[in-house]
PDB file of N, CA and C in Angstrom:
ATOM      1  N   UNK A   1      96.857  86.898  67.295  1.00  0.00           N
ATOM      2  CA  UNK A   1      95.035  86.977  66.991  1.00  0.00           C
ATOM      3  C   UNK A   1      94.910  88.669  66.875  1.00  0.00           C
ATOM      4  N   UNK A   2      93.792  87.584  65.566  1.00  0.00           N
ATOM      5  CA  UNK A   2      93.229  88.338  65.094  1.00  0.00           C
ATOM      6  C   UNK A   2      92.064  89.033  66.092  1.00  0.00           C
ATOM      7  N   UNK A   3      91.987  90.200  65.436  1.00  0.00           N
ATOM      8  CA  UNK A   3      90.848  91.592  66.389  1.00  0.00           C
ATOM      9  C   UNK A   3      89.597  91.679  64.899  1.00  0.00           C
ATOM     10  N   UNK A   4      88.588  91.524  66.590  1.00  0.00           N
ATOM     11  CA  UNK A   4      87.189  91.857  65.990  1.00  0.00           C
ATOM     12  C   UNK A   4      87.267  93.182  65.158  1.00  0.00           C
ATOM     13  N   UNK A   5      87.905  94.010  65.864  1.00  0.00           N
ATOM     14  CA  UNK A   5      87.806  95.135  65.054  1.00  0.00           C
ATOM     15  C   UNK A   5      88.460  95.522  63.841  1.00  0.00           C
ATOM     16  N   UNK A   6      89.221  95.065  63.239  1.00  0.00           N
ATOM     17  CA  UNK A   6      89.626  94.727  62.154  1.00  0.00           C
ATOM     18  C   UNK A   6      89.439  93.771  61.346  1.00  0.00           C
ATOM     19  N   UNK A   7      88.664  92.810  61.597  1.00  0.00           N
ATOM     20  CA  UNK A   7      88.122  92.007  60.962  1.00  0.00           C
ATOM     21  C   UNK A   7      86.783  92.745  60.484  1.00  0.00           C
ATOM     22  N   UNK A   8      85.946  93.671  61.508  1.00  0.00           N
ATOM     23  CA  UNK A   8      84.951  94.810  61.114  1.00  0.00           C
ATOM     24  C   UNK A   8      84.789  95.607  59.670  1.00  0.00           C
ATOM     25  N   UNK A   9      86.533  96.279  60.313  1.00  0.00           N
ATOM     26  CA  UNK A   9      87.464  96.787  59.488  1.00  0.00           C
ATOM     27  C   UNK A   9      87.527  96.876  57.622  1.00  0.00           C
ATOM     28  N   UNK A  10      87.765  95.465  58.185  1.00  0.00           N
ATOM     29  CA  UNK A  10      88.477  95.531  56.590  1.00  0.00           C
ATOM     30  C   UNK A  10      87.195  94.947  55.386  1.00  0.00           C
ATOM     31  N   UNK A  11      86.376  94.272  56.378  1.00  0.00           N
ATOM     32  CA  UNK A  11      85.191  93.495  56.150  1.00  0.00           C
ATOM     33  C   UNK A  11      84.915  95.119  55.369  1.00  0.00           C
ATOM     34  N   UNK A  12      84.185  96.225  56.279  1.00  0.00           N
ATOM     35  CA  UNK A  12      83.639  97.154  55.369  1.00  0.00           C
ATOM     36  C   UNK A  12      84.454  98.543  54.439  1.00  0.00           C
ATOM     37  N   UNK A  13      85.926  98.051  54.563  1.00  0.00           N
ATOM     38  CA  UNK A  13      86.852  98.466  53.968  1.00  0.00           C
ATOM     39  C   UNK A  13      86.754  97.879  51.961  1.00  0.00           C
ATOM     40  N   UNK A  14      86.531  96.852  52.352  1.00  0.00           N
ATOM     41  CA  UNK A  14      86.381  96.455  50.561  1.00  0.00           C
ATOM     42  C   UNK A  14      85.172  96.948  49.411  1.00  0.00           C
ATOM     43  N   UNK A  15      84.472  97.662  50.453  1.00  0.00           N
ATOM     44  CA  UNK A  15      83.507  98.253  49.733  1.00  0.00           C
ATOM     45  C   UNK A  15      83.815  99.933  49.286  1.00  0.00           C
ATOM     46  N   UNK A  16      84.662 100.502  49.430  1.00  0.00           N
ATOM     47  CA  UNK A  16      84.932 101.481  49.518  1.00  0.00           C
ATOM     48  C   UNK A  16      86.209 101.899  49.028  1.00  0.00           C
ATOM     49  N   UNK A  17      86.248 102.002  47.245  1.00  0.00           N
ATOM     50  CA  UNK A  17      86.908 102.642  46.592  1.00  0.00           C
ATOM     51  C   UNK A  17      87.878 103.947  46.158  1.00  0.00           C
ATOM     52  N   UNK A  18      86.289 104.743  46.721  1.00  0.00           N
ATOM     53  CA  UNK A  18      87.381 105.634  46.230  1.00  0.00           C
ATOM     54  C   UNK A  18      87.682 106.637  47.646  1.00  0.00           C
ATOM     55  N   UNK A  19      88.635 107.633  47.588  1.00  0.00           N
ATOM     56  CA  UNK A  19      89.271 108.563  48.806  1.00  0.00           C
ATOM     57  C   UNK A  19      90.365 108.089  48.993  1.00  0.00           C
ATOM     58  N   UNK A  20      90.445 108.250  49.913  1.00  0.00           N
ATOM     59  CA  UNK A  20      92.164 108.498  50.603  1.00  0.00           C
ATOM     60  C   UNK A  20      92.610 107.108  51.738  1.00  0.00           C
ATOM     61  N   UNK A  21      93.018 106.691  52.000  1.00  0.00           N
ATOM     62  CA  UNK A  21      92.949 105.037  52.786  1.00  0.00           C
ATOM     63  C   UNK A  21      92.820 105.524  54.227  1.00  0.00           C
ATOM     64  N   UNK A  22      93.293 106.723  54.136  1.00  0.00           N
ATOM     65  CA  UNK A  22      92.712 107.680  55.850  1.00  0.00           C
ATOM     66  C   UNK A  22      91.314 107.610  55.741  1.00  0.00           C
ATOM     67  N   UNK A  23      91.031 109.256  54.698  1.00  0.00           N
ATOM     68  CA  UNK A  23      89.152 108.885  54.843  1.00  0.00           C
ATOM     69  C   UNK A  23      88.422 108.226  54.340  1.00  0.00           C
ATOM     70  N   UNK A  24      88.719 106.410  54.005  1.00  0.00           N
ATOM     71  CA  UNK A  24      88.005 105.796  53.789  1.00  0.00           C
ATOM     72  C   UNK A  24      87.752 104.754  54.851  1.00  0.00           C
ATOM     73  N   UNK A  25      89.071 104.612  56.428  1.00  0.00           N
ATOM     74  CA  UNK A  25      89.344 103.677  57.460  1.00  0.00           C
ATOM     75  C   UNK A  25      88.478 105.093  58.686  1.00  0.00           C
ATOM     76  N   UNK A  26      88.918 105.956  58.320  1.00  0.00           N
ATOM     77  CA  UNK A  26      87.957 107.333  59.131  1.00  0.00           C
ATOM     78  C   UNK A  26      86.486 106.841  59.091  1.00  0.00           C
ATOM     79  N   UNK A  27      85.525 106.970  57.628  1.00  0.00           N
ATOM     80  CA  UNK A  27      84.590 106.893  57.928  1.00  0.00           C
ATOM     81  C   UNK A  27      83.957 105.296  57.741  1.00  0.00           C
ATOM     82  N   UNK A  28      84.787 104.140  57.834  1.00  0.00           N
ATOM     83  CA  UNK A  28      84.281 103.544  58.293  1.00  0.00           C
ATOM     84  C   UNK A  28      84.313 102.760  59.982  1.00  0.00           C
ATOM     85  N   UNK A  29      85.281 103.232  60.245  1.00  0.00           N
ATOM     86  CA  UNK A  29      85.090 103.406  62.007  1.00  0.00           C
ATOM     87  C   UNK A  29      84.367 104.773  62.703  1.00  0.00           C
ATOM     88  N   UNK A  30      83.855 105.361  61.811  1.00  0.00           N
ATOM     89  CA  UNK A  30      82.726 106.337  62.118  1.00  0.00           C
ATOM     90  C   UNK A  30      81.232 105.750  62.059  1.00  0.00           C
ATOM     91  N   UNK A  31      81.468 105.124  61.187  1.00  0.00           N
ATOM     92  CA  UNK A  31      79.998 104.161  60.672  1.00  0.00           C
ATOM     93  C   UNK A  31      79.126 103.108  62.262  1.00  0.00           C
ATOM     94  N   UNK A  32      81.147 102.414  62.739  1.00  0.00           N
ATOM     95  CA  UNK A  32      80.751 101.050  63.248  1.00  0.00           C
ATOM     96  C   UNK A  32      80.171 101.997  64.131  1.00  0.00           C
ATOM     97  N   UNK A  33      81.201 103.087  64.838  1.00  0.00           N
ATOM     98  CA  UNK A  33      80.419 104.311  66.053  1.00  0.00           C
ATOM     99  C   UNK A  33      79.113 104.143  66.167  1.00  0.00           C
ATOM    100  N   UNK A  34      78.686 104.774  64.840  1.00  0.00           N
ATOM    101  CA  UNK A  34      77.410 105.175  65.191  1.00  0.00           C
ATOM    102  C   UNK A  34      76.657 103.869  65.241  1.00  0.00           C
ATOM    103  N   UNK A  35      76.554 102.721  65.022  1.00  0.00           N
ATOM    104  CA  UNK A  35      75.525 101.800  64.093  1.00  0.00           C
ATOM    105  C   UNK A  35      75.825 101.315  65.209  1.00  0.00           C
ATOM    106  N   UNK A  36      76.879 101.086  66.553  1.00  0.00           N
ATOM    107  CA  UNK A  36      77.259 100.245  67.574  1.00  0.00           C
ATOM    108  C   UNK A  36      77.876  99.446  67.143  1.00  0.00           C
ATOM    109  N   UNK A  37      78.265  98.878  66.492  1.00  0.00           N
ATOM    110  CA  UNK A  37      79.118  97.646  66.449  1.00  0.00           C
ATOM    111  C   UNK A  37      80.410  98.050  67.456  1.00  0.00           C
ATOM    112  N   UNK A  38      80.571  98.881  67.191  1.00  0.00           N
ATOM    113  CA  UNK A  38      81.806  99.501  69.013  1.00  0.00           C
ATOM    114  C   UNK A  38      81.094  99.840  69.258  1.00  0.00           C
ATOM    115  N   UNK A  39      80.673  99.144  70.441  1.00  0.00           N
ATOM    116  CA  UNK A  39      79.830  99.715  71.611  1.00  0.00           C
ATOM    117  C   UNK A  39      80.836 101.302  72.466  1.00  0.00           C
ATOM    118  N   UNK A  40      79.864 100.996  72.655  1.00  0.00           N
ATOM    119  CA  UNK A  40      80.331 103.299  73.646  1.00  0.00           C
ATOM    120  C   UNK A  40      80.584 102.635  74.933  1.00  0.00           C
ATOM    121  N   UNK A  41      81.865 103.437  75.135  1.00  0.00           N
ATOM    122  CA  UNK A  41      82.533 102.734  76.100  1.00  0.00           C
ATOM    123  C   UNK A  41      83.450 102.096  76.322  1.00  0.00           C
ATOM    124  N   UNK A  42      83.758 101.927  74.873  1.00  0.00           N
ATOM    125  CA  UNK A  42      84.249 100.479  74.821  1.00  0.00           C
ATOM    126  C   UNK A  42      85.480 100.832  74.478  1.00  0.00           C
ATOM    127  N   UNK A  43      87.331  99.739  74.602  1.00  0.00           N
ATOM    128  CA  UNK A  43      88.917 100.529  73.909  1.00  0.00           C
ATOM    129  C   UNK A  43      88.797 100.152  72.674  1.00  0.00           C
ATOM    130  N   UNK A  44      88.975 101.098  72.309  1.00  0.00           N
ATOM    131  CA  UNK A  44      89.864 100.527  70.675  1.00  0.00           C
ATOM    132  C   UNK A  44      90.976 100.217  70.611  1.00  0.00           C
ATOM    133  N   UNK A  45      91.311  99.014  69.736  1.00  0.00           N
ATOM    134  CA  UNK A  45      92.679  98.580  69.919  1.00  0.00           C
ATOM    135  C   UNK A  45      93.994  99.651  70.068  1.00  0.00           C
ATOM    136  N   UNK A  46      95.057  98.574  70.320  1.00  0.00           N
ATOM    137  CA  UNK A  46      96.219 100.192  70.076  1.00  0.00           C
ATOM    138  C   UNK A  46      96.357 100.422  68.921  1.00  0.00           C
ATOM    139  N   UNK A  47      96.693 101.359  68.589  1.00  0.00           N
ATOM    140  CA  UNK A  47      96.783 101.850  67.027  1.00  0.00           C
ATOM    141  C   UNK A  47      98.088 100.568  66.212  1.00  0.00           C
ATOM    142  N   UNK A  48      99.325 100.512  67.276  1.00  0.00           N
ATOM    143  CA  UNK A  48     100.188  99.487  66.489  1.00  0.00           C
ATOM    144  C   UNK A  48      99.423  98.122  65.800  1.00  0.00           C
ATOM    145  N   UNK A  49      99.187  97.746  67.074  1.00  0.00           N
ATOM    146  CA  UNK A  49      97.720  96.297  67.397  1.00  0.00           C
ATOM    147  C   UNK A  49      96.873  96.177  65.535  1.00  0.00           C
ATOM    148  N   UNK A  50      96.046  97.581  65.777  1.00  0.00           N
ATOM    149  CA  UNK A  50      95.270  97.553  64.396  1.00  0.00           C
ATOM    150  C   UNK A  50      95.634  97.742  62.853  1.00  0.00           C
ATOM    151  N   UNK A  51      96.834  98.758  63.533  1.00  0.00           N
ATOM    152  CA  UNK A  51      97.179  98.793  62.023  1.00  0.00           C
ATOM    153  C   UNK A  51      98.274  97.643  61.549  1.00  0.00           C
ATOM    154  N   UNK A  52      99.184  96.620  62.256  1.00  0.00           N
ATOM    155  CA  UNK A  52      99.274  95.673  61.220  1.00  0.00           C
ATOM    156  C   UNK A  52      98.548  94.794  61.645  1.00  0.00           C
ATOM    157  N   UNK A  53      97.109  94.607  62.284  1.00  0.00           N
ATOM    158  CA  UNK A  53      96.300  93.417  61.736  1.00  0.00           C
ATOM    159  C   UNK A  53      95.405  93.879  60.100  1.00  0.00           C
ATOM    160  N   UNK A  54      94.804  95.355  60.182  1.00  0.00           N
ATOM    161  CA  UNK A  54      94.879  96.211  59.121  1.00  0.00           C
ATOM    162  C   UNK A  54      95.825  95.837  58.068  1.00  0.00           C
ATOM    163  N   UNK A  55      97.283  95.767  58.250  1.00  0.00           N
ATOM    164  CA  UNK A  55      98.056  95.421  56.551  1.00  0.00           C
ATOM    165  C   UNK A  55      98.414  97.161  56.361  1.00  0.00           C
ATOM    166  N   UNK A  56      98.407  98.366  57.446  1.00  0.00           N
ATOM    167  CA  UNK A  56      98.465  99.384  57.257  1.00  0.00           C
ATOM    168  C   UNK A  56      99.545 100.019  57.863  1.00  0.00           C
ATOM    169  N   UNK A  57      99.784 101.554  57.686  1.00  0.00           N
ATOM    170  CA  UNK A  57     100.849 101.947  58.598  1.00  0.00           C
ATOM    171  C   UNK A  57     100.378 102.513  59.959  1.00  0.00           C
ATOM    172  N   UNK A  58     101.172 102.868  60.521  1.00  0.00           N
ATOM    173  CA  UNK A  58     100.427 102.994  62.581  1.00  0.00           C
ATOM    174  C   UNK A  58      99.917 104.265  61.793  1.00  0.00           C
ATOM    175  N   UNK A  59     101.175 105.043  61.547  1.00  0.00           N
ATOM    176  CA  UNK A  59     100.720 106.391  61.095  1.00  0.00           C
ATOM    177  C   UNK A  59      99.440 106.741  60.839  1.00  0.00           C
ATOM    178  N   UNK A  60      99.291 105.835  59.879  1.00  0.00           N
ATOM    179  CA  UNK A  60      97.585 106.417  59.138  1.00  0.00           C
ATOM    180  C   UNK A  60      96.576 106.200  60.352  1.00  0.00           C
ATOM    181  N   UNK A  61      96.749 104.623  61.101  1.00  0.00           N
ATOM    182  CA  UNK A  61      95.506 104.481  62.603  1.00  0.00           C
ATOM    183  C   UNK A  61      95.720 105.700  63.671  1.00  0.00           C
ATOM    184  N   UNK A  62      96.866 106.442  63.746  1.00  0.00           N
ATOM    185  CA  UNK A  62      96.967 107.312  64.210  1.00  0.00           C
ATOM    186  C   UNK A  62      96.281 108.682  64.296  1.00  0.00           C
ATOM    187  N   UNK A  63      96.186 108.634  62.565  1.00  0.00           N
ATOM    188  CA  UNK A  63      95.553 110.024  62.119  1.00  0.00           C
ATOM    189  C   UNK A  63      94.126 109.355  62.434  1.00  0.00           C
ATOM    190  N   UNK A  64      93.435 108.462  62.461  1.00  0.00           N
ATOM    191  CA  UNK A  64      91.895 108.808  61.731  1.00  0.00           C
ATOM    192  C   UNK A  64      91.759 108.270  63.617  1.00  0.00           C
ATOM    193  N   UNK A  65      92.615 108.318  64.548  1.00  0.00           N
ATOM    194  CA  UNK A  65      91.997 107.873  65.783  1.00  0.00           C
ATOM    195  C   UNK A  65      91.744 109.914  66.318  1.00  0.00           C
ATOM    196  N   UNK A  66      93.065 110.604  65.577  1.00  0.00           N
ATOM    197  CA  UNK A  66      93.258 112.135  66.113  1.00  0.00           C
ATOM    198  C   UNK A  66      91.523 112.254  65.829  1.00  0.00           C
ATOM    199  N   UNK A  67      91.794 112.735  64.167  1.00  0.00           N
ATOM    200  CA  UNK A  67      90.131 112.591  63.335  1.00  0.00           C
ATOM    201  C   UNK A  67      89.165 112.022  64.188  1.00  0.00           C
ATOM    202  N   UNK A  68      88.786 111.422  64.805  1.00  0.00           N
ATOM    203  CA  UNK A  68      87.925 110.466  65.869  1.00  0.00           C
ATOM    204  C   UNK A  68      87.758 111.748  67.163  1.00  0.00           C
ATOM    205  N   UNK A  69      88.860 111.574  67.292  1.00  0.00           N
ATOM    206  CA  UNK A  69      88.891 112.154  68.603  1.00  0.00           C
ATOM    207  C   UNK A  69      88.713 113.914  68.448  1.00  0.00           C
ATOM    208  N   UNK A  70      88.752 114.330  67.571  1.00  0.00           N
ATOM    209  CA  UNK A  70      88.823 115.392  67.151  1.00  0.00           C
ATOM    210  C   UNK A  70      87.081 116.010  67.527  1.00  0.00           C
ATOM    211  N   UNK A  71      86.762 115.236  66.325  1.00  0.00           N
ATOM    212  CA  UNK A  71      85.104 115.162  66.161  1.00  0.00           C
ATOM    213  C   UNK A  71      84.149 114.618  67.311  1.00  0.00           C
ATOM    214  N   UNK A  72      84.473 113.983  68.557  1.00  0.00           N
ATOM    215  CA  UNK A  72      84.223 113.695  69.352  1.00  0.00           C
ATOM    216  C   UNK A  72      83.566 111.877  69.408  1.00  0.00           C
ATOM    217  N   UNK A  73      84.079 111.445  68.634  1.00  0.00           N
ATOM    218  CA  UNK A  73      83.021 109.451  68.772  1.00  0.00           C
ATOM    219  C   UNK A  73      84.354 109.014  69.458  1.00  0.00           C
ATOM    220  N   UNK A  74      85.816 109.439  69.745  1.00  0.00           N
ATOM    221  CA  UNK A  74      86.634 108.916  71.252  1.00  0.00           C
ATOM    222  C   UNK A  74      87.303 109.953  72.013  1.00  0.00           C
ATOM    223  N   UNK A  75      87.450 109.591  73.387  1.00  0.00           N
ATOM    224  CA  UNK A  75      88.251 110.002  74.267  1.00  0.00           C
ATOM    225  C   UNK A  75      89.912 109.151  74.239  1.00  0.00           C
ATOM    226  N   UNK A  76      90.820 109.984  74.632  1.00  0.00           N
ATOM    227  CA  UNK A  76      92.015 109.465  74.819  1.00  0.00           C
ATOM    228  C   UNK A  76      91.923 109.513  76.741  1.00  0.00           C
ATOM    229  N   UNK A  77      92.692 108.625  77.075  1.00  0.00           N
ATOM    230  CA  UNK A  77      92.639 108.346  78.826  1.00  0.00           C
ATOM    231  C   UNK A  77      94.415 107.789  78.347  1.00  0.00           C
ATOM    232  N   UNK A  78      95.211 108.988  78.682  1.00  0.00           N
ATOM    233  CA  UNK A  78      97.061 108.758  79.279  1.00  0.00           C
ATOM    234  C   UNK A  78      97.220 107.800  79.902  1.00  0.00           C
ATOM    235  N   UNK A  79      97.969 106.595  79.074  1.00  0.00           N
ATOM    236  CA  UNK A  79      98.492 105.678  79.521  1.00  0.00           C
ATOM    237  C   UNK A  79      97.172 104.349  79.701  1.00  0.00           C
ATOM    238  N   UNK A  80      95.705 105.193  79.174  1.00  0.00           N
ATOM    239  CA  UNK A  80      95.058 103.843  79.129  1.00  0.00           C
ATOM    240  C   UNK A  80      94.511 103.657  78.517  1.00  0.00           C
ATOM    241  N   UNK A  81      94.995 104.370  77.128  1.00  0.00           N
ATOM    242  CA  UNK A  81      94.321 104.276  75.692  1.00  0.00           C
ATOM    243  C   UNK A  81      92.754 104.954  75.196  1.00  0.00           C
ATOM    244  N   UNK A  82      92.658 104.719  74.112  1.00  0.00           N
ATOM    245  CA  UNK A  82      91.931 105.293  73.773  1.00  0.00           C
ATOM    246  C   UNK A  82      90.264 104.428  73.389  1.00  0.00           C
ATOM    247  N   UNK A  83      89.417 105.254  73.754  1.00  0.00           N
ATOM    248  CA  UNK A  83      87.793 104.848  73.914  1.00  0.00           C
ATOM    249  C   UNK A  83      87.208 105.479  73.226  1.00  0.00           C
ATOM    250  N   UNK A  84      85.534 104.711  72.863  1.00  0.00           N
ATOM    251  CA  UNK A  84      84.640 105.171  72.770  1.00  0.00           C
ATOM    252  C   UNK A  84      83.656 105.831  73.489  1.00  0.00           C
ATOM    253  N   UNK A  85      83.782 107.269  73.209  1.00  0.00           N
ATOM    254  CA  UNK A  85      82.975 108.425  73.534  1.00  0.00           C
ATOM    255  C   UNK A  85      81.398 107.080  74.201  1.00  0.00           C
ATOM    256  N   UNK A  86      80.778 107.845  75.421  1.00  0.00           N
ATOM    257  CA  UNK A  86      79.528 107.615  75.832  1.00  0.00           C
ATOM    258  C   UNK A  86      79.122 107.576  75.401  1.00  0.00           C
ATOM    259  N   UNK A  87      78.939 109.592  74.882  1.00  0.00           N
ATOM    260  CA  UNK A  87      77.829 110.445  74.033  1.00  0.00           C
ATOM    261  C   UNK A  87      78.588 110.727  72.905  1.00  0.00           C
ATOM    262  N   UNK A  88      77.596 110.522  71.087  1.00  0.00           N
ATOM    263  CA  UNK A  88      78.124 111.122  70.392  1.00  0.00           C
ATOM    264  C   UNK A  88      78.032 111.312  69.826  1.00  0.00           C
ATOM    265  N   UNK A  89      78.863 112.245  68.956  1.00  0.00           N
ATOM    266  CA  UNK A  89      78.379 113.629  67.866  1.00  0.00           C
ATOM    267  C   UNK A  89      76.906 113.405  67.750  1.00  0.00           C
ATOM    268  N   UNK A  90      76.077 112.287  67.143  1.00  0.00           N
ATOM    269  CA  UNK A  90      75.148 112.832  66.380  1.00  0.00           C
ATOM    270  C   UNK A  90      74.720 112.100  67.303  1.00  0.00           C
ATOM    271  N   UNK A  91      73.691 111.678  68.442  1.00  0.00           N
ATOM    272  CA  UNK A  91      73.453 111.019  69.266  1.00  0.00           C
ATOM    273  C   UNK A  91      73.134 113.188  69.960  1.00  0.00           C
ATOM    274  N   UNK A  92      74.189 114.331  70.107  1.00  0.00           N
ATOM    275  CA  UNK A  92      74.015 115.214  70.548  1.00  0.00           C
ATOM    276  C   UNK A  92      73.251 116.670  70.068  1.00  0.00           C
ATOM    277  N   UNK A  93      73.908 115.995  68.878  1.00  0.00           N
ATOM    278  CA  UNK A  93      72.793 116.296  67.721  1.00  0.00           C
ATOM    279  C   UNK A  93      71.740 116.189  68.069  1.00  0.00           C
ATOM    280  N   UNK A  94      71.185 114.870  68.083  1.00  0.00           N
ATOM    281  CA  UNK A  94      69.365 114.330  67.352  1.00  0.00           C
ATOM    282  C   UNK A  94      68.769 115.503  69.363  1.00  0.00           C
ATOM    283  N   UNK A  95      69.622 115.160  70.224  1.00  0.00           N
ATOM    284  CA  UNK A  95      68.815 115.071  71.971  1.00  0.00           C
ATOM    285  C   UNK A  95      68.543 117.224  71.640  1.00  0.00           C
ATOM    286  N   UNK A  96      69.795 117.781  70.324  1.00  0.00           N
ATOM    287  CA  UNK A  96      69.202 119.193  70.266  1.00  0.00           C
ATOM    288  C   UNK A  96      67.865 119.559  69.953  1.00  0.00           C
ATOM    289  N   UNK A  97      67.845 118.221  68.353  1.00  0.00           N
ATOM    290  CA  UNK A  97      66.661 118.656  67.670  1.00  0.00           C
ATOM    291  C   UNK A  97      65.500 118.173  67.998  1.00  0.00           C
ATOM    292  N   UNK A  98      65.166 117.298  68.870  1.00  0.00           N
ATOM    293  CA  UNK A  98      63.660 117.388  69.794  1.00  0.00           C
ATOM    294  C   UNK A  98      64.020 117.948  71.193  1.00  0.00           C
ATOM    295  N   UNK A  99      64.784 118.403  71.591  1.00  0.00           N
ATOM    296  CA  UNK A  99      64.621 120.059  72.437  1.00  0.00           C
ATOM    297  C   UNK A  99      64.078 120.653  71.896  1.00  0.00           C
ATOM    298  N   UNK A 100      63.960 121.318  70.581  1.00  0.00           N
ATOM    299  CA  UNK A 100      63.995 122.934  69.757  1.00  0.00           C
ATOM    300  C   UNK A 100      62.264 122.610  69.561  1.00  0.00           C
TER     301      UNK A 100
END
């Protein structure tokens, strides 16, 4: 079964030619989350499934998920998977700018 997340990411990755695979995939996922192509509060595919669909190492996907978590784009729930954060880093920055 093809994952919609993977299809979207593969389409975006075709246009990025520079940088490491990790950085390109991270940039694609950040953009998809920020643009709400991947809706807030939705569950991301398991790293093993996404890696298989993208044709990349599971370690690459795991590192991207870890980077997204460190930046505040996703949260992890033990035994439940990785979820897109309800409040994104850009949203927090925009809210603070409006308050000033």
